Amino acid sequence: MGTLPGATCFQSASHLATGVRMCLGVDAEKCTGCRICENFCSFHHEGAVWPERARIRIVAQDDDGPFVPNVCRQCEDAPCAAACPVEAITLNERTGVWVVDVEECVGCGACVQACPFDAMFLDEERGISYKCDLCGGEPECAAMCPSGAIRLSRGG
């Protein structure tokens, strides 16, 4: 099936405590590289189509593909959260998703360095880090992906 290694829901004690587990599942073989996911993600979060600020990124292995959607894996141990010196990355109890509190984030980039999947990003202009928050439980990328390469996985 071409599922991106690691692009599955990880279940941690924190996830078990909330009774919720959500993440994006990816089938890389279905990805056409159209980047519609990046456009809808950026519009949802930034109010404008701005792929450079998308929380999901399409990575091309070369100019013609294959293309792989790179997404936050919602890691069990969340190295991004562990690296944050101000504890600005926390588990949302409603969705079971790790989220960045932009009011608390100091933009140091420690979380970006700690992410083993390059799924954390630093907005140097605003001085904050950001990552996929699954659009609060209704991810635009999964809803709008024309090939079905991205899907919301719910578990518990």
N, C-alpha and C. Protein backbone atom coordinates (compact mmCIF):
# COMPACT_ATOMS: atom_id res chain seq x y z
N MET A 1 0.81 -1.20 0.00
CA MET A 1 0.00 0.00 0.00
C MET A 1 0.84 1.25 0.00
N GLY A 2 2.05 1.35 0.11
CA GLY A 2 2.79 2.60 -0.02
C GLY A 2 2.61 3.58 1.11
N THR A 3 2.25 3.13 2.27
CA THR A 3 2.08 4.04 3.38
C THR A 3 3.44 4.54 3.83
N LEU A 4 3.53 5.85 4.04
CA LEU A 4 4.78 6.46 4.48
C LEU A 4 5.18 5.88 5.83
N PRO A 5 6.38 5.35 5.95
CA PRO A 5 6.82 4.79 7.23
C PRO A 5 6.70 5.83 8.34
N GLY A 6 6.07 5.43 9.42
CA GLY A 6 5.94 6.33 10.56
C GLY A 6 4.74 7.25 10.48
N ALA A 7 4.04 7.28 9.36
CA ALA A 7 2.89 8.18 9.24
C ALA A 7 1.63 7.49 9.74
N THR A 8 1.72 7.00 10.94
CA THR A 8 0.59 6.35 11.58
C THR A 8 0.41 6.95 12.95
N CYS A 9 -0.72 6.68 13.55
CA CYS A 9 -0.97 7.20 14.89
C CYS A 9 -0.10 6.43 15.88
N PHE A 10 0.61 7.16 16.69
CA PHE A 10 1.35 6.55 17.79
C PHE A 10 0.49 6.69 19.04
N GLN A 11 0.42 5.65 19.85
CA GLN A 11 -0.40 5.70 21.04
C GLN A 11 0.50 5.81 22.26
N SER A 12 0.32 6.89 22.99
CA SER A 12 1.14 7.13 24.18
C SER A 12 0.26 7.08 25.42
N ALA A 13 0.89 7.15 26.57
CA ALA A 13 0.13 7.22 27.82
C ALA A 13 -0.77 8.44 27.81
N SER A 14 -0.27 9.55 27.26
CA SER A 14 -1.09 10.76 27.18
C SER A 14 -2.29 10.54 26.29
N HIS A 15 -2.09 9.87 25.16
CA HIS A 15 -3.21 9.57 24.27
C HIS A 15 -4.20 8.64 24.96
N LEU A 16 -3.68 7.65 25.68
CA LEU A 16 -4.57 6.74 26.38
C LEU A 16 -5.38 7.46 27.44
N ALA A 17 -4.76 8.43 28.11
CA ALA A 17 -5.47 9.18 29.15
C ALA A 17 -6.62 9.99 28.57
N THR A 18 -6.46 10.50 27.37
CA THR A 18 -7.53 11.29 26.77
C THR A 18 -8.59 10.41 26.12
N GLY A 19 -8.24 9.18 25.81
CA GLY A 19 -9.17 8.29 25.13
C GLY A 19 -9.32 8.61 23.65
N VAL A 20 -8.48 9.50 23.14
CA VAL A 20 -8.57 9.94 21.76
C VAL A 20 -7.21 9.78 21.10
N ARG A 21 -7.23 9.44 19.85
CA ARG A 21 -6.00 9.36 19.09
C ARG A 21 -6.33 9.72 17.65
N MET A 22 -5.72 10.77 17.15
CA MET A 22 -5.96 11.20 15.77
C MET A 22 -4.63 11.49 15.11
N CYS A 23 -4.55 11.21 13.82
CA CYS A 23 -3.37 11.57 13.04
C CYS A 23 -3.74 11.50 11.57
N LEU A 24 -2.82 11.91 10.74
CA LEU A 24 -3.01 11.79 9.30
C LEU A 24 -2.34 10.52 8.82
N GLY A 25 -3.08 9.74 8.06
CA GLY A 25 -2.52 8.58 7.40
C GLY A 25 -2.20 8.96 5.97
N VAL A 26 -1.11 8.48 5.45
CA VAL A 26 -0.65 8.86 4.11
C VAL A 26 -0.38 7.61 3.28
N ASP A 27 -0.90 7.60 2.06
CA ASP A 27 -0.56 6.57 1.08
C ASP A 27 0.25 7.26 -0.01
N ALA A 28 1.55 7.18 0.09
CA ALA A 28 2.44 7.89 -0.82
C ALA A 28 2.26 7.47 -2.27
N GLU A 29 1.83 6.24 -2.51
CA GLU A 29 1.62 5.78 -3.88
C GLU A 29 0.48 6.53 -4.57
N LYS A 30 -0.44 7.07 -3.80
CA LYS A 30 -1.58 7.81 -4.37
C LYS A 30 -1.28 9.29 -4.57
N CYS A 31 -0.22 9.80 -3.95
CA CYS A 31 0.08 11.24 -4.03
C CYS A 31 0.56 11.60 -5.44
N THR A 32 -0.09 12.59 -6.04
CA THR A 32 0.26 13.04 -7.39
C THR A 32 1.18 14.26 -7.37
N GLY A 33 1.40 14.83 -6.19
CA GLY A 33 2.23 16.02 -6.10
C GLY A 33 1.50 17.30 -6.48
N CYS A 34 0.17 17.29 -6.46
CA CYS A 34 -0.61 18.46 -6.89
C CYS A 34 -0.53 19.63 -5.90
N ARG A 35 -0.20 19.34 -4.65
CA ARG A 35 -0.01 20.34 -3.60
C ARG A 35 -1.31 21.04 -3.17
N ILE A 36 -2.44 20.47 -3.53
CA ILE A 36 -3.71 21.03 -3.07
C ILE A 36 -3.76 21.01 -1.55
N CYS A 37 -3.20 19.99 -0.94
CA CYS A 37 -3.19 19.91 0.53
C CYS A 37 -2.46 21.10 1.14
N GLU A 38 -1.32 21.47 0.57
CA GLU A 38 -0.57 22.63 1.08
C GLU A 38 -1.39 23.91 0.95
N ASN A 39 -2.08 24.06 -0.18
CA ASN A 39 -2.88 25.27 -0.40
C ASN A 39 -4.02 25.40 0.59
N PHE A 40 -4.77 24.32 0.79
CA PHE A 40 -5.89 24.38 1.73
C PHE A 40 -5.42 24.50 3.17
N CYS A 41 -4.33 23.84 3.50
CA CYS A 41 -3.76 23.96 4.85
C CYS A 41 -3.36 25.39 5.14
N SER A 42 -2.63 25.98 4.23
CA SER A 42 -2.17 27.36 4.46
C SER A 42 -3.33 28.33 4.50
N PHE A 43 -4.34 28.14 3.66
CA PHE A 43 -5.50 29.03 3.68
C PHE A 43 -6.25 28.91 5.00
N HIS A 44 -6.38 27.68 5.49
CA HIS A 44 -7.07 27.47 6.77
C HIS A 44 -6.35 28.18 7.92
N HIS A 45 -5.03 28.08 7.95
CA HIS A 45 -4.26 28.63 9.07
C HIS A 45 -3.83 30.08 8.88
N GLU A 46 -3.60 30.50 7.65
CA GLU A 46 -3.04 31.83 7.39
C GLU A 46 -4.04 32.79 6.75
N GLY A 47 -5.18 32.26 6.27
CA GLY A 47 -6.17 33.10 5.61
C GLY A 47 -5.79 33.46 4.18
N ALA A 48 -4.76 32.81 3.66
CA ALA A 48 -4.30 33.04 2.29
C ALA A 48 -3.60 31.77 1.80
N VAL A 49 -3.61 31.57 0.50
CA VAL A 49 -2.86 30.45 -0.06
C VAL A 49 -1.39 30.81 0.02
N TRP A 50 -0.67 30.09 0.86
CA TRP A 50 0.72 30.40 1.17
C TRP A 50 1.43 29.08 1.50
N PRO A 51 1.72 28.28 0.49
CA PRO A 51 2.26 26.93 0.73
C PRO A 51 3.48 26.88 1.65
N GLU A 52 4.27 27.94 1.64
CA GLU A 52 5.45 27.96 2.52
C GLU A 52 5.06 27.95 3.99
N ARG A 53 3.83 28.27 4.31
CA ARG A 53 3.35 28.27 5.69
C ARG A 53 2.41 27.10 5.98
N ALA A 54 2.32 26.16 5.05
CA ALA A 54 1.48 24.98 5.27
C ALA A 54 2.08 24.12 6.36
N ARG A 55 1.23 23.41 7.07
CA ARG A 55 1.68 22.49 8.11
C ARG A 55 1.97 21.11 7.56
N ILE A 56 1.61 20.89 6.31
CA ILE A 56 1.93 19.66 5.58
C ILE A 56 2.79 20.08 4.40
N ARG A 57 3.75 19.28 4.06
CA ARG A 57 4.65 19.62 2.95
C ARG A 57 4.76 18.42 2.02
N ILE A 58 4.71 18.70 0.73
CA ILE A 58 4.93 17.65 -0.26
C ILE A 58 6.41 17.63 -0.60
N VAL A 59 7.02 16.48 -0.46
CA VAL A 59 8.44 16.31 -0.73
C VAL A 59 8.56 15.45 -1.98
N ALA A 60 9.27 15.96 -2.98
CA ALA A 60 9.51 15.20 -4.21
C ALA A 60 10.86 14.52 -4.11
N GLN A 61 10.87 13.24 -4.41
CA GLN A 61 12.13 12.50 -4.39
C GLN A 61 13.05 12.97 -5.51
N ASP A 62 12.48 13.42 -6.64
CA ASP A 62 13.19 14.12 -7.70
C ASP A 62 12.14 14.95 -8.44
N ASP A 63 12.48 15.60 -9.53
CA ASP A 63 11.57 16.52 -10.20
C ASP A 63 10.25 15.89 -10.63
N ASP A 64 10.28 14.62 -10.99
CA ASP A 64 9.09 13.94 -11.47
C ASP A 64 8.45 13.04 -10.42
N GLY A 65 8.90 13.12 -9.19
CA GLY A 65 8.34 12.28 -8.14
C GLY A 65 9.28 11.13 -7.85
N PRO A 66 8.89 10.17 -7.06
CA PRO A 66 7.58 10.15 -6.42
C PRO A 66 7.44 11.25 -5.38
N PHE A 67 6.19 11.57 -5.09
CA PHE A 67 5.87 12.63 -4.14
C PHE A 67 5.41 12.01 -2.83
N VAL A 68 5.83 12.61 -1.74
CA VAL A 68 5.47 12.10 -0.43
C VAL A 68 4.97 13.24 0.44
N PRO A 69 3.72 13.17 0.91
CA PRO A 69 3.25 14.16 1.87
C PRO A 69 3.97 13.95 3.21
N ASN A 70 4.63 14.98 3.69
CA ASN A 70 5.31 14.90 4.98
C ASN A 70 4.42 15.54 6.03
N VAL A 71 4.04 14.75 7.02
CA VAL A 71 3.11 15.22 8.04
C VAL A 71 3.62 14.90 9.43
N CYS A 72 3.11 15.61 10.41
CA CYS A 72 3.41 15.31 11.80
C CYS A 72 2.87 13.92 12.12
N ARG A 73 3.68 13.12 12.76
CA ARG A 73 3.29 11.75 13.11
C ARG A 73 2.59 11.66 14.46
N GLN A 74 2.46 12.78 15.18
CA GLN A 74 1.86 12.76 16.52
C GLN A 74 2.58 11.70 17.37
N CYS A 75 3.89 11.83 17.43
CA CYS A 75 4.77 10.84 18.07
C CYS A 75 4.35 10.50 19.49
N GLU A 76 4.60 9.26 19.84
CA GLU A 76 4.32 8.79 21.19
C GLU A 76 5.09 9.62 22.22
N ASP A 77 6.39 9.79 21.98
CA ASP A 77 7.21 10.51 22.94
C ASP A 77 7.33 12.00 22.64
N ALA A 78 6.79 12.46 21.52
CA ALA A 78 6.76 13.87 21.12
C ALA A 78 8.06 14.60 21.44
N PRO A 79 9.14 14.30 20.72
CA PRO A 79 10.41 14.96 20.98
C PRO A 79 10.31 16.48 20.86
N CYS A 80 9.40 16.97 20.03
CA CYS A 80 9.22 18.43 19.92
C CYS A 80 8.74 19.01 21.25
N ALA A 81 7.78 18.34 21.88
CA ALA A 81 7.26 18.82 23.16
C ALA A 81 8.33 18.71 24.25
N ALA A 82 9.07 17.62 24.24
CA ALA A 82 10.12 17.42 25.25
C ALA A 82 11.21 18.47 25.13
N ALA A 83 11.47 18.93 23.91
CA ALA A 83 12.54 19.91 23.68
C ALA A 83 12.13 21.34 23.99
N CYS A 84 10.85 21.60 24.10
CA CYS A 84 10.38 22.98 24.29
C CYS A 84 10.70 23.48 25.70
N PRO A 85 11.50 24.54 25.80
CA PRO A 85 11.90 25.03 27.12
C PRO A 85 10.78 25.74 27.89
N VAL A 86 9.70 26.10 27.21
CA VAL A 86 8.60 26.81 27.89
C VAL A 86 7.31 26.00 27.89
N GLU A 87 7.41 24.72 27.52
CA GLU A 87 6.26 23.80 27.51
C GLU A 87 5.09 24.35 26.69
N ALA A 88 5.41 24.92 25.52
CA ALA A 88 4.39 25.49 24.65
C ALA A 88 3.73 24.45 23.75
N ILE A 89 4.24 23.23 23.73
CA ILE A 89 3.64 22.16 22.94
C ILE A 89 3.00 21.18 23.90
N THR A 90 1.67 21.09 23.80
CA THR A 90 0.92 20.26 24.72
C THR A 90 -0.07 19.38 23.96
N LEU A 91 -0.57 18.38 24.65
CA LEU A 91 -1.54 17.47 24.07
C LEU A 91 -2.94 18.05 24.24
N ASN A 92 -3.65 18.24 23.14
CA ASN A 92 -5.03 18.72 23.18
C ASN A 92 -5.90 17.56 23.66
N GLU A 93 -6.60 17.75 24.77
CA GLU A 93 -7.36 16.66 25.36
C GLU A 93 -8.57 16.27 24.52
N ARG A 94 -9.10 17.18 23.72
CA ARG A 94 -10.26 16.86 22.89
C ARG A 94 -9.87 16.00 21.69
N THR A 95 -8.76 16.36 21.05
CA THR A 95 -8.35 15.67 19.83
C THR A 95 -7.24 14.66 20.04
N GLY A 96 -6.49 14.77 21.13
CA GLY A 96 -5.34 13.89 21.34
C GLY A 96 -4.18 14.24 20.43
N VAL A 97 -4.12 15.50 19.98
CA VAL A 97 -3.09 15.96 19.05
C VAL A 97 -2.15 16.93 19.76
N TRP A 98 -0.86 16.83 19.47
CA TRP A 98 0.11 17.78 20.01
C TRP A 98 -0.05 19.11 19.29
N VAL A 99 -0.20 20.19 20.05
CA VAL A 99 -0.40 21.52 19.46
C VAL A 99 0.56 22.53 20.07
N VAL A 100 0.88 23.57 19.30
CA VAL A 100 1.75 24.65 19.76
C VAL A 100 0.88 25.79 20.25
N ASP A 101 1.11 26.23 21.47
CA ASP A 101 0.44 27.42 22.00
C ASP A 101 1.27 28.62 21.57
N VAL A 102 0.79 29.34 20.56
CA VAL A 102 1.58 30.45 20.01
C VAL A 102 1.73 31.60 21.00
N GLU A 103 0.88 31.66 22.01
CA GLU A 103 1.02 32.69 23.04
C GLU A 103 2.19 32.38 23.97
N GLU A 104 2.51 31.10 24.11
CA GLU A 104 3.61 30.68 24.99
C GLU A 104 4.93 30.48 24.25
N CYS A 105 4.85 30.14 22.98
CA CYS A 105 6.05 29.85 22.18
C CYS A 105 6.96 31.07 22.10
N VAL A 106 8.25 30.83 22.31
CA VAL A 106 9.24 31.91 22.24
C VAL A 106 10.04 31.88 20.93
N GLY A 107 9.71 30.93 20.06
CA GLY A 107 10.35 30.87 18.75
C GLY A 107 11.82 30.51 18.77
N CYS A 108 12.24 29.74 19.75
CA CYS A 108 13.66 29.38 19.85
C CYS A 108 14.08 28.33 18.83
N GLY A 109 13.11 27.54 18.33
CA GLY A 109 13.40 26.53 17.34
C GLY A 109 13.88 25.20 17.89
N ALA A 110 13.90 25.03 19.20
CA ALA A 110 14.35 23.76 19.78
C ALA A 110 13.48 22.60 19.30
N CYS A 111 12.19 22.84 19.17
CA CYS A 111 11.27 21.80 18.71
C CYS A 111 11.55 21.42 17.26
N VAL A 112 11.88 22.41 16.45
CA VAL A 112 12.18 22.17 15.03
C VAL A 112 13.41 21.26 14.93
N GLN A 113 14.42 21.55 15.73
CA GLN A 113 15.64 20.73 15.74
C GLN A 113 15.36 19.32 16.25
N ALA A 114 14.42 19.19 17.19
CA ALA A 114 14.15 17.89 17.81
C ALA A 114 13.29 16.97 16.97
N CYS A 115 12.52 17.51 16.05
CA CYS A 115 11.59 16.68 15.26
C CYS A 115 12.36 15.79 14.29
N PRO A 116 12.26 14.47 14.44
CA PRO A 116 13.00 13.56 13.56
C PRO A 116 12.40 13.45 12.16
N PHE A 117 11.23 14.05 11.94
CA PHE A 117 10.55 13.93 10.65
C PHE A 117 10.47 15.24 9.89
N ASP A 118 11.14 16.28 10.37
CA ASP A 118 11.09 17.60 9.73
C ASP A 118 9.65 18.08 9.55
N ALA A 119 8.83 17.85 10.57
CA ALA A 119 7.41 18.24 10.50
C ALA A 119 7.09 19.42 11.42
N MET A 120 8.11 20.05 11.98
CA MET A 120 7.96 21.28 12.77
C MET A 120 8.62 22.39 11.97
N PHE A 121 8.02 23.58 12.04
CA PHE A 121 8.52 24.69 11.25
C PHE A 121 8.65 25.93 12.12
N LEU A 122 9.56 26.82 11.73
CA LEU A 122 9.79 28.05 12.46
C LEU A 122 9.42 29.24 11.60
N ASP A 123 8.53 30.08 12.11
CA ASP A 123 8.16 31.33 11.46
C ASP A 123 9.00 32.41 12.11
N GLU A 124 10.10 32.75 11.47
CA GLU A 124 11.03 33.72 12.05
C GLU A 124 10.43 35.12 12.11
N GLU A 125 9.55 35.47 11.18
CA GLU A 125 8.91 36.79 11.21
C GLU A 125 8.06 36.98 12.45
N ARG A 126 7.27 35.96 12.78
CA ARG A 126 6.38 36.04 13.95
C ARG A 126 7.03 35.51 15.22
N GLY A 127 8.17 34.87 15.08
CA GLY A 127 8.87 34.34 16.25
C GLY A 127 8.12 33.20 16.92
N ILE A 128 7.56 32.29 16.10
CA ILE A 128 6.85 31.13 16.64
C ILE A 128 7.15 29.89 15.81
N SER A 129 7.02 28.76 16.46
CA SER A 129 7.09 27.48 15.76
C SER A 129 5.66 27.04 15.47
N TYR A 130 5.52 26.19 14.45
CA TYR A 130 4.19 25.68 14.14
C TYR A 130 4.29 24.28 13.56
N LYS A 131 3.19 23.55 13.65
CA LYS A 131 3.11 22.18 13.16
C LYS A 131 1.66 21.86 12.86
N CYS A 132 1.41 20.71 12.32
CA CYS A 132 0.05 20.28 12.04
C CYS A 132 -0.73 20.12 13.34
N ASP A 133 -1.92 20.72 13.36
CA ASP A 133 -2.82 20.56 14.50
C ASP A 133 -4.10 19.85 14.08
N LEU A 134 -4.06 19.24 12.90
CA LEU A 134 -5.21 18.55 12.30
C LEU A 134 -6.42 19.47 12.17
N CYS A 135 -6.15 20.76 12.04
CA CYS A 135 -7.23 21.75 11.87
C CYS A 135 -8.30 21.58 12.95
N GLY A 136 -7.86 21.25 14.16
CA GLY A 136 -8.80 21.09 15.26
C GLY A 136 -9.64 19.82 15.19
N GLY A 137 -9.27 18.90 14.33
CA GLY A 137 -9.98 17.63 14.22
C GLY A 137 -10.65 17.42 12.87
N GLU A 138 -10.62 18.43 12.02
CA GLU A 138 -11.21 18.33 10.68
C GLU A 138 -10.17 18.80 9.66
N PRO A 139 -9.14 18.00 9.40
CA PRO A 139 -8.04 18.44 8.54
C PRO A 139 -8.45 18.74 7.10
N GLU A 140 -8.16 19.95 6.68
CA GLU A 140 -8.48 20.40 5.33
C GLU A 140 -7.76 19.56 4.28
N CYS A 141 -6.51 19.20 4.55
CA CYS A 141 -5.73 18.45 3.56
C CYS A 141 -6.40 17.12 3.23
N ALA A 142 -6.88 16.42 4.25
CA ALA A 142 -7.53 15.13 4.02
C ALA A 142 -8.86 15.31 3.29
N ALA A 143 -9.60 16.34 3.66
CA ALA A 143 -10.90 16.58 3.03
C ALA A 143 -10.76 16.95 1.56
N MET A 144 -9.69 17.64 1.20
CA MET A 144 -9.55 18.17 -0.15
C MET A 144 -8.62 17.37 -1.05
N CYS A 145 -7.94 16.37 -0.54
CA CYS A 145 -7.00 15.59 -1.36
C CYS A 145 -7.77 14.84 -2.45
N PRO A 146 -7.54 15.20 -3.72
CA PRO A 146 -8.32 14.59 -4.80
C PRO A 146 -7.98 13.12 -5.07
N SER A 147 -6.81 12.67 -4.65
CA SER A 147 -6.42 11.29 -4.94
C SER A 147 -6.64 10.35 -3.76
N GLY A 148 -7.04 10.90 -2.61
CA GLY A 148 -7.23 10.06 -1.44
C GLY A 148 -5.93 9.63 -0.78
N ALA A 149 -4.85 10.34 -1.06
CA ALA A 149 -3.55 9.99 -0.48
C ALA A 149 -3.45 10.32 1.00
N ILE A 150 -4.29 11.25 1.46
CA ILE A 150 -4.24 11.70 2.86
C ILE A 150 -5.60 11.41 3.48
N ARG A 151 -5.57 10.83 4.67
CA ARG A 151 -6.83 10.55 5.36
C ARG A 151 -6.65 10.79 6.86
N LEU A 152 -7.74 11.11 7.50
CA LEU A 152 -7.73 11.25 8.95
C LEU A 152 -7.92 9.88 9.56
N SER A 153 -7.04 9.53 10.47
CA SER A 153 -7.16 8.27 11.20
C SER A 153 -7.59 8.60 12.62
N ARG A 154 -8.64 7.95 13.05
CA ARG A 154 -9.13 8.13 14.43
C ARG A 154 -9.02 6.78 15.12
N GLY A 155 -8.55 6.82 16.33
CA GLY A 155 -8.45 5.60 17.11
C GLY A 155 -8.54 5.93 18.57
N GLY A 156 -8.44 4.98 19.39
CA GLY A 156 -8.53 5.27 20.81
C GLY A 156 -8.04 4.14 21.63
